[in-house]
């Protein structure tokens, strides 16, 4: 969630939700794919290829910094877009399935 605590109950504004995976970032801006990633401690420096809402393609460098509270500071290469990304609490539907054990 951008710049606001996430409730995670479905009432958060869709345009403020950001989903980060190993390969890409989904947000109201569009879909951005990681081209290159470099980790330095709690900082992920990345080059991203993004398809914007108007269909335009952008290539740029960004930085994700994990804060002590586990939220993320995000900034682009020109420091024109700075946001704090707040983690959403996991609901039962989002949690990985429990490992099944066999009964003997």
PDB file of N, CA and C in Angstrom:
ATOM      1  N   UNK A   1       0.850  -1.169   0.000  1.00  0.00           N
ATOM      2  CA  UNK A   1       0.000   0.000   0.000  1.00  0.00           C
ATOM      3  C   UNK A   1       0.897   1.233   0.000  1.00  0.00           C
ATOM      4  N   UNK A   2       0.610   2.184  -0.852  1.00  0.00           N
ATOM      5  CA  UNK A   2       1.433   3.381  -0.971  1.00  0.00           C
ATOM      6  C   UNK A   2       1.074   4.441   0.064  1.00  0.00           C
ATOM      7  N   UNK A   3       2.042   4.813   0.876  1.00  0.00           N
ATOM      8  CA  UNK A   3       1.947   5.936   1.814  1.00  0.00           C
ATOM      9  C   UNK A   3       0.799   5.868   2.810  1.00  0.00           C
ATOM     10  N   UNK A   4       0.276   4.686   3.074  1.00  0.00           N
ATOM     11  CA  UNK A   4      -0.782   4.522   4.069  1.00  0.00           C
ATOM     12  C   UNK A   4      -0.742   3.090   4.582  1.00  0.00           C
ATOM     13  N   UNK A   5      -1.077   2.928   5.834  1.00  0.00           N
ATOM     14  CA  UNK A   5      -1.126   1.575   6.399  1.00  0.00           C
ATOM     15  C   UNK A   5      -2.175   0.760   5.652  1.00  0.00           C
ATOM     16  N   UNK A   6      -1.866  -0.480   5.421  1.00  0.00           N
ATOM     17  CA  UNK A   6      -2.755  -1.384   4.682  1.00  0.00           C
ATOM     18  C   UNK A   6      -3.652  -2.133   5.656  1.00  0.00           C
ATOM     19  N   UNK A   7      -4.954  -2.134   5.358  1.00  0.00           N
ATOM     20  CA  UNK A   7      -5.891  -2.887   6.191  1.00  0.00           C
ATOM     21  C   UNK A   7      -5.891  -4.360   5.802  1.00  0.00           C
ATOM     22  N   UNK A   8      -5.788  -4.629   4.482  1.00  0.00           N
ATOM     23  CA  UNK A   8      -5.750  -6.001   4.013  1.00  0.00           C
ATOM     24  C   UNK A   8      -7.087  -6.712   4.063  1.00  0.00           C
ATOM     25  N   UNK A   9      -8.170  -5.946   4.248  1.00  0.00           N
ATOM     26  CA  UNK A   9      -9.500  -6.564   4.349  1.00  0.00           C
ATOM     27  C   UNK A   9     -10.337  -6.348   3.088  1.00  0.00           C
ATOM     28  N   UNK A  10      -9.688  -5.886   2.018  1.00  0.00           N
ATOM     29  CA  UNK A  10     -10.401  -5.638   0.771  1.00  0.00           C
ATOM     30  C   UNK A  10     -10.916  -4.219   0.637  1.00  0.00           C
ATOM     31  N   UNK A  11     -10.781  -3.405   1.680  1.00  0.00           N
ATOM     32  CA  UNK A  11     -11.284  -2.033   1.624  1.00  0.00           C
ATOM     33  C   UNK A  11     -10.212  -1.030   1.205  1.00  0.00           C
ATOM     34  N   UNK A  12      -8.974  -1.484   1.005  1.00  0.00           N
ATOM     35  CA  UNK A  12      -7.909  -0.578   0.583  1.00  0.00           C
ATOM     36  C   UNK A  12      -8.143  -0.132  -0.859  1.00  0.00           C
ATOM     37  N   UNK A  13      -7.911   1.166  -1.182  1.00  0.00           N
ATOM     38  CA  UNK A  13      -8.128   1.644  -2.551  1.00  0.00           C
ATOM     39  C   UNK A  13      -7.208   0.905  -3.528  1.00  0.00           C
ATOM     40  N   UNK A  14      -7.777   0.328  -4.576  1.00  0.00           N
ATOM     41  CA  UNK A  14      -7.011  -0.459  -5.541  1.00  0.00           C
ATOM     42  C   UNK A  14      -5.872   0.343  -6.162  1.00  0.00           C
ATOM     43  N   UNK A  15      -6.075   1.642  -6.379  1.00  0.00           N
ATOM     44  CA  UNK A  15      -5.035   2.451  -7.018  1.00  0.00           C
ATOM     45  C   UNK A  15      -3.821   2.668  -6.106  1.00  0.00           C
ATOM     46  N   UNK A  16      -3.947   2.347  -4.830  1.00  0.00           N
ATOM     47  CA  UNK A  16      -2.836   2.526  -3.901  1.00  0.00           C
ATOM     48  C   UNK A  16      -2.094   1.217  -3.594  1.00  0.00           C
ATOM     49  N   UNK A  17      -2.637   0.096  -4.065  1.00  0.00           N
ATOM     50  CA  UNK A  17      -2.050  -1.207  -3.768  1.00  0.00           C
ATOM     51  C   UNK A  17      -0.915  -1.492  -4.744  1.00  0.00           C
ATOM     52  N   UNK A  18       0.194  -1.989  -4.214  1.00  0.00           N
ATOM     53  CA  UNK A  18       1.361  -2.370  -5.004  1.00  0.00           C
ATOM     54  C   UNK A  18       1.680  -3.821  -4.672  1.00  0.00           C
ATOM     55  N   UNK A  19       1.862  -4.641  -5.698  1.00  0.00           N
ATOM     56  CA  UNK A  19       2.196  -6.054  -5.490  1.00  0.00           C
ATOM     57  C   UNK A  19       3.576  -6.303  -6.073  1.00  0.00           C
ATOM     58  N   UNK A  20       4.506  -6.739  -5.223  1.00  0.00           N
ATOM     59  CA  UNK A  20       5.884  -6.994  -5.639  1.00  0.00           C
ATOM     60  C   UNK A  20       6.121  -8.501  -5.626  1.00  0.00           C
ATOM     61  N   UNK A  21       6.607  -9.034  -6.752  1.00  0.00           N
ATOM     62  CA  UNK A  21       6.964 -10.445  -6.835  1.00  0.00           C
ATOM     63  C   UNK A  21       8.457 -10.544  -7.149  1.00  0.00           C
ATOM     64  N   UNK A  22       8.949 -11.747  -7.315  1.00  0.00           N
ATOM     65  CA  UNK A  22      10.357 -11.954  -7.669  1.00  0.00           C
ATOM     66  C   UNK A  22      10.692 -11.378  -9.044  1.00  0.00           C
ATOM     67  N   UNK A  23       9.700 -11.301  -9.935  1.00  0.00           N
ATOM     68  CA  UNK A  23       9.964 -10.905 -11.318  1.00  0.00           C
ATOM     69  C   UNK A  23       9.421  -9.538 -11.708  1.00  0.00           C
ATOM     70  N   UNK A  24       8.415  -9.033 -10.962  1.00  0.00           N
ATOM     71  CA  UNK A  24       7.808  -7.786 -11.401  1.00  0.00           C
ATOM     72  C   UNK A  24       7.112  -7.039 -10.264  1.00  0.00           C
ATOM     73  N   UNK A  25       6.629  -5.855 -10.616  1.00  0.00           N
ATOM     74  CA  UNK A  25       5.892  -4.993  -9.685  1.00  0.00           C
ATOM     75  C   UNK A  25       4.615  -4.558 -10.391  1.00  0.00           C
ATOM     76  N   UNK A  26       3.469  -4.804  -9.762  1.00  0.00           N
ATOM     77  CA  UNK A  26       2.165  -4.405 -10.286  1.00  0.00           C
ATOM     78  C   UNK A  26       1.671  -3.228  -9.453  1.00  0.00           C
ATOM     79  N   UNK A  27       1.299  -2.133 -10.115  1.00  0.00           N
ATOM     80  CA  UNK A  27       0.755  -0.974  -9.401  1.00  0.00           C
ATOM     81  C   UNK A  27      -0.194  -0.232 -10.328  1.00  0.00           C
ATOM     82  N   UNK A  28      -0.778   0.846  -9.833  1.00  0.00           N
ATOM     83  CA  UNK A  28      -1.674   1.653 -10.661  1.00  0.00           C
ATOM     84  C   UNK A  28      -0.923   2.294 -11.820  1.00  0.00           C
ATOM     85  N   UNK A  29       0.394   2.404 -11.702  1.00  0.00           N
ATOM     86  CA  UNK A  29       1.216   2.951 -12.782  1.00  0.00           C
ATOM     87  C   UNK A  29       1.233   2.007 -13.975  1.00  0.00           C
ATOM     88  N   UNK A  30       1.252   0.724 -13.695  1.00  0.00           N
ATOM     89  CA  UNK A  30       1.340  -0.292 -14.743  1.00  0.00           C
ATOM     90  C   UNK A  30       2.139  -1.483 -14.249  1.00  0.00           C
ATOM     91  N   UNK A  31       2.664  -2.247 -15.170  1.00  0.00           N
ATOM     92  CA  UNK A  31       3.459  -3.425 -14.857  1.00  0.00           C
ATOM     93  C   UNK A  31       4.921  -3.116 -15.119  1.00  0.00           C
ATOM     94  N   UNK A  32       5.753  -3.327 -14.104  1.00  0.00           N
ATOM     95  CA  UNK A  32       7.193  -3.133 -14.241  1.00  0.00           C
ATOM     96  C   UNK A  32       7.889  -4.472 -14.009  1.00  0.00           C
ATOM     97  N   UNK A  33       8.817  -4.795 -14.892  1.00  0.00           N
ATOM     98  CA  UNK A  33       9.551  -6.054 -14.806  1.00  0.00           C
ATOM     99  C   UNK A  33      10.990  -5.768 -14.409  1.00  0.00           C
ATOM    100  N   UNK A  34      11.528  -6.591 -13.499  1.00  0.00           N
ATOM    101  CA  UNK A  34      12.924  -6.453 -13.114  1.00  0.00           C
ATOM    102  C   UNK A  34      13.808  -6.860 -14.294  1.00  0.00           C
ATOM    103  N   UNK A  35      14.696  -5.968 -14.722  1.00  0.00           N
ATOM    104  CA  UNK A  35      15.674  -6.275 -15.764  1.00  0.00           C
ATOM    105  C   UNK A  35      16.966  -6.726 -15.104  1.00  0.00           C
ATOM    106  N   UNK A  36      17.322  -6.035 -14.034  1.00  0.00           N
ATOM    107  CA  UNK A  36      18.553  -6.342 -13.289  1.00  0.00           C
ATOM    108  C   UNK A  36      18.298  -6.042 -11.833  1.00  0.00           C
ATOM    109  N   UNK A  37      18.849  -6.874 -10.936  1.00  0.00           N
ATOM    110  CA  UNK A  37      18.708  -6.662  -9.488  1.00  0.00           C
ATOM    111  C   UNK A  37      20.072  -6.805  -8.833  1.00  0.00           C
ATOM    112  N   UNK A  38      20.325  -5.948  -7.851  1.00  0.00           N
ATOM    113  CA  UNK A  38      21.566  -6.006  -7.069  1.00  0.00           C
ATOM    114  C   UNK A  38      21.210  -5.730  -5.609  1.00  0.00           C
ATOM    115  N   UNK A  39      21.568  -6.662  -4.747  1.00  0.00           N
ATOM    116  CA  UNK A  39      21.280  -6.518  -3.320  1.00  0.00           C
ATOM    117  C   UNK A  39      22.503  -5.984  -2.583  1.00  0.00           C
ATOM    118  N   UNK A  40      22.271  -5.015  -1.708  1.00  0.00           N
ATOM    119  CA  UNK A  40      23.302  -4.464  -0.813  1.00  0.00           C
ATOM    120  C   UNK A  40      22.687  -4.340   0.562  1.00  0.00           C
ATOM    121  N   UNK A  41      22.852  -5.375   1.382  1.00  0.00           N
ATOM    122  CA  UNK A  41      22.245  -5.365   2.711  1.00  0.00           C
ATOM    123  C   UNK A  41      20.734  -5.323   2.613  1.00  0.00           C
ATOM    124  N   UNK A  42      20.126  -4.273   3.168  1.00  0.00           N
ATOM    125  CA  UNK A  42      18.666  -4.150   3.151  1.00  0.00           C
ATOM    126  C   UNK A  42      18.149  -3.343   1.952  1.00  0.00           C
ATOM    127  N   UNK A  43      19.013  -3.127   0.958  1.00  0.00           N
ATOM    128  CA  UNK A  43      18.655  -2.327  -0.218  1.00  0.00           C
ATOM    129  C   UNK A  43      18.674  -3.197  -1.471  1.00  0.00           C
ATOM    130  N   UNK A  44      17.623  -3.077  -2.266  1.00  0.00           N
ATOM    131  CA  UNK A  44      17.573  -3.710  -3.574  1.00  0.00           C
ATOM    132  C   UNK A  44      17.645  -2.596  -4.603  1.00  0.00           C
ATOM    133  N   UNK A  45      18.737  -2.586  -5.376  1.00  0.00           N
ATOM    134  CA  UNK A  45      18.862  -1.649  -6.488  1.00  0.00           C
ATOM    135  C   UNK A  45      18.452  -2.419  -7.729  1.00  0.00           C
ATOM    136  N   UNK A  46      17.575  -1.819  -8.529  1.00  0.00           N
ATOM    137  CA  UNK A  46      17.057  -2.545  -9.683  1.00  0.00           C
ATOM    138  C   UNK A  46      16.891  -1.634 -10.891  1.00  0.00           C
ATOM    139  N   UNK A  47      17.054  -2.249 -12.054  1.00  0.00           N
ATOM    140  CA  UNK A  47      16.675  -1.597 -13.294  1.00  0.00           C
ATOM    141  C   UNK A  47      15.346  -2.220 -13.683  1.00  0.00           C
ATOM    142  N   UNK A  48      14.373  -1.367 -14.000  1.00  0.00           N
ATOM    143  CA  UNK A  48      13.023  -1.835 -14.292  1.00  0.00           C
ATOM    144  C   UNK A  48      12.618  -1.425 -15.703  1.00  0.00           C
ATOM    145  N   UNK A  49      11.868  -2.302 -16.353  1.00  0.00           N
ATOM    146  CA  UNK A  49      11.229  -1.997 -17.619  1.00  0.00           C
ATOM    147  C   UNK A  49       9.732  -1.931 -17.328  1.00  0.00           C
ATOM    148  N   UNK A  50       9.125  -0.778 -17.605  1.00  0.00           N
ATOM    149  CA  UNK A  50       7.726  -0.572 -17.228  1.00  0.00           C
ATOM    150  C   UNK A  50       6.869  -0.230 -18.437  1.00  0.00           C
ATOM    151  N   UNK A  51       5.681  -0.796 -18.438  1.00  0.00           N
ATOM    152  CA  UNK A  51       4.680  -0.394 -19.419  1.00  0.00           C
ATOM    153  C   UNK A  51       3.663   0.446 -18.662  1.00  0.00           C
ATOM    154  N   UNK A  52       3.632   1.729 -18.974  1.00  0.00           N
ATOM    155  CA  UNK A  52       2.772   2.666 -18.267  1.00  0.00           C
ATOM    156  C   UNK A  52       1.323   2.552 -18.695  1.00  0.00           C
ATOM    157  N   UNK A  53       0.435   3.270 -17.991  1.00  0.00           N
ATOM    158  CA  UNK A  53      -1.003   3.181 -18.266  1.00  0.00           C
ATOM    159  C   UNK A  53      -1.374   3.649 -19.671  1.00  0.00           C
ATOM    160  N   UNK A  54      -0.583   4.508 -20.283  1.00  0.00           N
ATOM    161  CA  UNK A  54      -0.883   4.995 -21.636  1.00  0.00           C
ATOM    162  C   UNK A  54      -0.224   4.122 -22.696  1.00  0.00           C
ATOM    163  N   UNK A  55       0.379   2.986 -22.274  1.00  0.00           N
ATOM    164  CA  UNK A  55       1.036   2.094 -23.219  1.00  0.00           C
ATOM    165  C   UNK A  55       2.478   2.463 -23.504  1.00  0.00           C
ATOM    166  N   UNK A  56       2.963   3.504 -22.843  1.00  0.00           N
ATOM    167  CA  UNK A  56       4.347   3.912 -23.043  1.00  0.00           C
ATOM    168  C   UNK A  56       5.300   2.987 -22.288  1.00  0.00           C
ATOM    169  N   UNK A  57       6.481   2.758 -22.832  1.00  0.00           N
ATOM    170  CA  UNK A  57       7.500   1.915 -22.198  1.00  0.00           C
ATOM    171  C   UNK A  57       8.558   2.824 -21.575  1.00  0.00           C
ATOM    172  N   UNK A  58       8.935   2.493 -20.348  1.00  0.00           N
ATOM    173  CA  UNK A  58       9.956   3.248 -19.630  1.00  0.00           C
ATOM    174  C   UNK A  58      11.002   2.285 -19.105  1.00  0.00           C
ATOM    175  N   UNK A  59      12.231   2.725 -19.072  1.00  0.00           N
ATOM    176  CA  UNK A  59      13.325   1.957 -18.490  1.00  0.00           C
ATOM    177  C   UNK A  59      14.007   2.866 -17.481  1.00  0.00           C
ATOM    178  N   UNK A  60      14.164   2.401 -16.237  1.00  0.00           N
ATOM    179  CA  UNK A  60      14.776   3.248 -15.228  1.00  0.00           C
ATOM    180  C   UNK A  60      15.280   2.463 -14.043  1.00  0.00           C
ATOM    181  N   UNK A  61      16.077   3.130 -13.250  1.00  0.00           N
ATOM    182  CA  UNK A  61      16.652   2.533 -12.054  1.00  0.00           C
ATOM    183  C   UNK A  61      15.834   2.974 -10.837  1.00  0.00           C
ATOM    184  N   UNK A  62      15.657   2.044  -9.915  1.00  0.00           N
ATOM    185  CA  UNK A  62      14.916   2.312  -8.691  1.00  0.00           C
ATOM    186  C   UNK A  62      15.643   1.677  -7.515  1.00  0.00           C
ATOM    187  N   UNK A  63      15.217   2.071  -6.312  1.00  0.00           N
ATOM    188  CA  UNK A  63      15.812   1.499  -5.097  1.00  0.00           C
ATOM    189  C   UNK A  63      14.698   1.203  -4.100  1.00  0.00           C
ATOM    190  N   UNK A  64      14.706  -0.028  -3.584  1.00  0.00           N
ATOM    191  CA  UNK A  64      13.795  -0.459  -2.528  1.00  0.00           C
ATOM    192  C   UNK A  64      14.642  -0.648  -1.270  1.00  0.00           C
ATOM    193  N   UNK A  65      14.316   0.053  -0.189  1.00  0.00           N
ATOM    194  CA  UNK A  65      15.054  -0.089   1.061  1.00  0.00           C
ATOM    195  C   UNK A  65      14.107  -0.633   2.127  1.00  0.00           C
ATOM    196  N   UNK A  66      14.433  -1.800   2.663  1.00  0.00           N
ATOM    197  CA  UNK A  66      13.603  -2.398   3.710  1.00  0.00           C
ATOM    198  C   UNK A  66      13.929  -1.705   5.025  1.00  0.00           C
ATOM    199  N   UNK A  67      12.913  -1.129   5.642  1.00  0.00           N
ATOM    200  CA  UNK A  67      13.062  -0.410   6.905  1.00  0.00           C
ATOM    201  C   UNK A  67      12.996  -1.395   8.075  1.00  0.00           C
ATOM    202  N   UNK A  68      13.425  -0.973   9.269  1.00  0.00           N
ATOM    203  CA  UNK A  68      13.349  -1.856  10.447  1.00  0.00           C
ATOM    204  C   UNK A  68      11.935  -2.361  10.734  1.00  0.00           C
ATOM    205  N   UNK A  69      10.900  -1.577  10.361  1.00  0.00           N
ATOM    206  CA  UNK A  69       9.515  -2.014  10.593  1.00  0.00           C
ATOM    207  C   UNK A  69       9.006  -2.931   9.475  1.00  0.00           C
ATOM    208  N   UNK A  70       9.883  -3.329   8.566  1.00  0.00           N
ATOM    209  CA  UNK A  70       9.631  -4.235   7.441  1.00  0.00           C
ATOM    210  C   UNK A  70       8.844  -3.586   6.302  1.00  0.00           C
ATOM    211  N   UNK A  71       8.526  -2.299   6.408  1.00  0.00           N
ATOM    212  CA  UNK A  71       7.941  -1.584   5.289  1.00  0.00           C
ATOM    213  C   UNK A  71       9.080  -1.169   4.366  1.00  0.00           C
ATOM    214  N   UNK A  72       8.758  -0.639   3.196  1.00  0.00           N
ATOM    215  CA  UNK A  72       9.779  -0.402   2.182  1.00  0.00           C
ATOM    216  C   UNK A  72       9.747   1.041   1.717  1.00  0.00           C
ATOM    217  N   UNK A  73      10.920   1.686   1.717  1.00  0.00           N
ATOM    218  CA  UNK A  73      11.069   3.002   1.104  1.00  0.00           C
ATOM    219  C   UNK A  73      11.408   2.767  -0.364  1.00  0.00           C
ATOM    220  N   UNK A  74      10.672   3.419  -1.261  1.00  0.00           N
ATOM    221  CA  UNK A  74      10.898   3.274  -2.694  1.00  0.00           C
ATOM    222  C   UNK A  74      11.239   4.628  -3.272  1.00  0.00           C
ATOM    223  N   UNK A  75      12.255   4.680  -4.137  1.00  0.00           N
ATOM    224  CA  UNK A  75      12.621   5.922  -4.802  1.00  0.00           C
ATOM    225  C   UNK A  75      13.114   5.591  -6.211  1.00  0.00           C
ATOM    226  N   UNK A  76      12.798   6.486  -7.163  1.00  0.00           N
ATOM    227  CA  UNK A  76      13.297   6.303  -8.526  1.00  0.00           C
ATOM    228  C   UNK A  76      14.638   7.003  -8.681  1.00  0.00           C
ATOM    229  N   UNK A  77      15.277   6.793  -9.829  1.00  0.00           N
ATOM    230  CA  UNK A  77      16.636   7.289 -10.039  1.00  0.00           C
ATOM    231  C   UNK A  77      16.758   8.803  -9.956  1.00  0.00           C
ATOM    232  N   UNK A  78      15.698   9.533 -10.287  1.00  0.00           N
ATOM    233  CA  UNK A  78      15.744  10.995 -10.264  1.00  0.00           C
ATOM    234  C   UNK A  78      15.193  11.582  -8.971  1.00  0.00           C
ATOM    235  N   UNK A  79      14.797  10.718  -8.043  1.00  0.00           N
ATOM    236  CA  UNK A  79      14.212  11.136  -6.765  1.00  0.00           C
ATOM    237  C   UNK A  79      12.963  11.987  -6.958  1.00  0.00           C
ATOM    238  N   UNK A  80      12.225  11.716  -8.035  1.00  0.00           N
ATOM    239  CA  UNK A  80      10.980  12.439  -8.271  1.00  0.00           C
ATOM    240  C   UNK A  80       9.783  11.673  -7.720  1.00  0.00           C
ATOM    241  N   UNK A  81       9.978  10.383  -7.466  1.00  0.00           N
ATOM    242  CA  UNK A  81       8.883   9.564  -6.934  1.00  0.00           C
ATOM    243  C   UNK A  81       9.389   8.832  -5.703  1.00  0.00           C
ATOM    244  N   UNK A  82       8.985   9.318  -4.532  1.00  0.00           N
ATOM    245  CA  UNK A  82       9.356   8.712  -3.253  1.00  0.00           C
ATOM    246  C   UNK A  82       8.081   8.273  -2.550  1.00  0.00           C
ATOM    247  N   UNK A  83       8.002   7.006  -2.175  1.00  0.00           N
ATOM    248  CA  UNK A  83       6.850   6.521  -1.425  1.00  0.00           C
ATOM    249  C   UNK A  83       7.320   5.526  -0.378  1.00  0.00           C
ATOM    250  N   UNK A  84       6.476   5.341   0.612  1.00  0.00           N
ATOM    251  CA  UNK A  84       6.672   4.257   1.565  1.00  0.00           C
ATOM    252  C   UNK A  84       5.635   3.209   1.205  1.00  0.00           C
ATOM    253  N   UNK A  85       6.091   1.978   1.026  1.00  0.00           N
ATOM    254  CA  UNK A  85       5.197   0.863   0.722  1.00  0.00           C
ATOM    255  C   UNK A  85       4.972   0.090   2.012  1.00  0.00           C
ATOM    256  N   UNK A  86       3.726   0.094   2.482  1.00  0.00           N
ATOM    257  CA  UNK A  86       3.375  -0.574   3.731  1.00  0.00           C
ATOM    258  C   UNK A  86       2.912  -1.993   3.448  1.00  0.00           C
ATOM    259  N   UNK A  87       3.424  -2.933   4.213  1.00  0.00           N
ATOM    260  CA  UNK A  87       3.028  -4.332   4.067  1.00  0.00           C
ATOM    261  C   UNK A  87       1.583  -4.513   4.502  1.00  0.00           C
ATOM    262  N   UNK A  88       0.883  -5.371   3.782  1.00  0.00           N
ATOM    263  CA  UNK A  88      -0.479  -5.723   4.166  1.00  0.00           C
ATOM    264  C   UNK A  88      -0.426  -6.967   5.038  1.00  0.00           C
ATOM    265  N   UNK A  89      -1.284  -7.032   6.047  1.00  0.00           N
ATOM    266  CA  UNK A  89      -1.320  -8.251   6.853  1.00  0.00           C
ATOM    267  C   UNK A  89      -1.811  -9.402   5.988  1.00  0.00           C
ATOM    268  N   UNK A  90      -1.232 -10.574   6.210  1.00  0.00           N
ATOM    269  CA  UNK A  90      -1.650 -11.745   5.442  1.00  0.00           C
ATOM    270  C   UNK A  90      -2.946 -12.297   6.008  1.00  0.00           C
ATOM    271  N   UNK A  91      -3.874 -12.554   5.120  1.00  0.00           N
ATOM    272  CA  UNK A  91      -5.111 -13.217   5.527  1.00  0.00           C
ATOM    273  C   UNK A  91      -4.914 -14.716   5.334  1.00  0.00           C
ATOM    274  N   UNK A  92      -5.818 -15.506   5.840  1.00  0.00           N
ATOM    275  CA  UNK A  92      -5.715 -16.957   5.702  1.00  0.00           C
ATOM    276  C   UNK A  92      -5.651 -17.357   4.229  1.00  0.00           C
ATOM    277  N   UNK A  93      -6.352 -16.624   3.357  1.00  0.00           N
ATOM    278  CA  UNK A  93      -6.359 -16.951   1.931  1.00  0.00           C
ATOM    279  C   UNK A  93      -5.015 -16.674   1.276  1.00  0.00           C
ATOM    280  N   UNK A  94      -4.210 -15.760   1.845  1.00  0.00           N
ATOM    281  CA  UNK A  94      -2.921 -15.405   1.267  1.00  0.00           C
ATOM    282  C   UNK A  94      -1.788 -16.262   1.798  1.00  0.00           C
ATOM    283  N   UNK A  95      -1.989 -16.934   2.901  1.00  0.00           N
ATOM    284  CA  UNK A  95      -0.924 -17.711   3.511  1.00  0.00           C
ATOM    285  C   UNK A  95      -0.704 -18.990   2.730  1.00  0.00           C
ATOM    286  N   UNK A  96       0.564 -19.465   2.681  1.00  0.00           N
ATOM    287  CA  UNK A  96       0.834 -20.706   1.979  1.00  0.00           C
ATOM    288  C   UNK A  96       0.103 -21.864   2.645  1.00  0.00           C
ATOM    289  N   UNK A  97      -0.299 -22.870   1.850  1.00  0.00           N
ATOM    290  CA  UNK A  97      -1.021 -23.994   2.445  1.00  0.00           C
ATOM    291  C   UNK A  97      -0.142 -24.758   3.431  1.00  0.00           C
ATOM    292  N   UNK A  98      -0.780 -25.295   4.463  1.00  0.00           N
ATOM    293  CA  UNK A  98      -0.050 -26.094   5.452  1.00  0.00           C
ATOM    294  C   UNK A  98       0.413 -27.386   4.796  1.00  0.00           C
ATOM    295  N   UNK A  99       1.545 -27.879   5.244  1.00  0.00           N
ATOM    296  CA  UNK A  99       2.065 -29.128   4.718  1.00  0.00           C
ATOM    297  C   UNK A  99       1.238 -30.282   5.262  1.00  0.00           C
ATOM    298  N   UNK A 100       0.785 -31.114   4.362  1.00  0.00           N
ATOM    299  CA  UNK A 100      -0.028 -32.275   4.784  1.00  0.00           C
ATOM    300  C   UNK A 100       0.880 -33.349   5.367  1.00  0.00           C
ATOM    301  N   UNK A 101       0.439 -33.936   6.437  1.00  0.00           N
ATOM    302  CA  UNK A 101       1.185 -35.040   7.027  1.00  0.00           C
ATOM    303  C   UNK A 101       0.329 -36.286   6.938  1.00  0.00           C
ATOM    304  N   UNK A 102       0.974 -37.402   6.723  1.00  0.00           N
ATOM    305  CA  UNK A 102       0.194 -38.643   6.610  1.00  0.00           C
ATOM    306  C   UNK A 102      -0.023 -39.267   7.979  1.00  0.00           C
ATOM    307  N   UNK A 103      -1.210 -39.804   8.161  1.00  0.00           N
ATOM    308  CA  UNK A 103      -1.542 -40.479   9.429  1.00  0.00           C
ATOM    309  C   UNK A 103      -1.065 -41.925   9.344  1.00  0.00           C
ATOM    310  N   UNK A 104      -0.584 -42.438  10.429  1.00  0.00           N
ATOM    311  CA  UNK A 104      -0.106 -43.824  10.432  1.00  0.00           C
ATOM    312  C   UNK A 104      -0.907 -44.658  11.350  1.00  0.00           C
TER     313      UNK A 104
END
